[in-house]
Amino acid sequence: MPKVETAAVAPDFELTDLTGAKIRLSDYRGNNPVLLVFNRGFT
């Protein structure tokens, strides 16, 4: 996995929330910081 520099701008991406609505990271630009956590499951 590539390293990310501190304070680097995250690339824009789109995900679907639990209700099926599409949400883009850019929808939150200019607002409070967004913290993303990706958990790798163990199988």
Protein backbone atom coordinates (compact mmCIF):
# COMPACT_ATOMS: atom_id res chain seq x y z
CA MET A 1 0.00 0.00 0.00
CA PRO A 2 1.50 3.39 -0.94
CA LYS A 3 2.31 5.83 1.84
CA VAL A 4 0.34 9.07 2.09
CA GLU A 5 1.98 12.29 3.14
CA THR A 6 0.62 14.14 6.16
CA ALA A 7 -1.78 16.95 5.18
CA ALA A 8 -1.98 15.66 1.59
CA VAL A 9 -5.26 16.27 -0.24
CA ALA A 10 -7.19 13.02 -0.59
CA PRO A 11 -8.31 12.00 -4.08
CA ASP A 12 -12.03 12.32 -4.74
CA PHE A 13 -14.07 9.11 -4.70
CA GLU A 14 -17.69 8.01 -4.48
CA LEU A 15 -19.32 5.44 -2.15
CA THR A 16 -22.84 4.27 -1.47
CA ASP A 17 -24.20 4.80 2.06
CA LEU A 18 -26.49 2.43 3.98
CA THR A 19 -29.61 3.95 2.38
CA GLY A 20 -28.26 3.56 -1.17
CA ALA A 21 -27.45 7.26 -1.64
CA LYS A 22 -24.22 8.15 -3.48
CA ILE A 23 -21.77 10.26 -1.46
CA ARG A 24 -18.61 11.86 -2.81
CA LEU A 25 -15.69 13.00 -0.70
CA SER A 26 -15.78 16.32 -2.58
CA ASP A 27 -19.29 16.91 -1.13
CA TYR A 28 -17.54 17.66 2.17
CA ARG A 29 -14.77 19.98 0.91
CA GLY A 30 -14.71 23.26 2.80
CA ASN A 31 -16.40 21.69 5.84
CA ASN A 32 -14.90 20.13 8.93
CA PRO A 33 -12.26 17.45 8.33
CA VAL A 34 -13.43 13.97 7.40
CA LEU A 35 -11.75 10.93 8.97
CA LEU A 36 -11.84 7.74 6.93
CA VAL A 37 -11.04 4.38 8.44
CA PHE A 38 -10.73 1.28 6.28
CA ASN A 39 -10.67 -1.96 8.23
CA ARG A 40 -9.16 -4.97 6.51
CA GLY A 41 -11.13 -8.05 7.49
CA PHE A 42 -9.34 -11.24 8.37
CA THR A 43 -10.61 -14.36 6.64
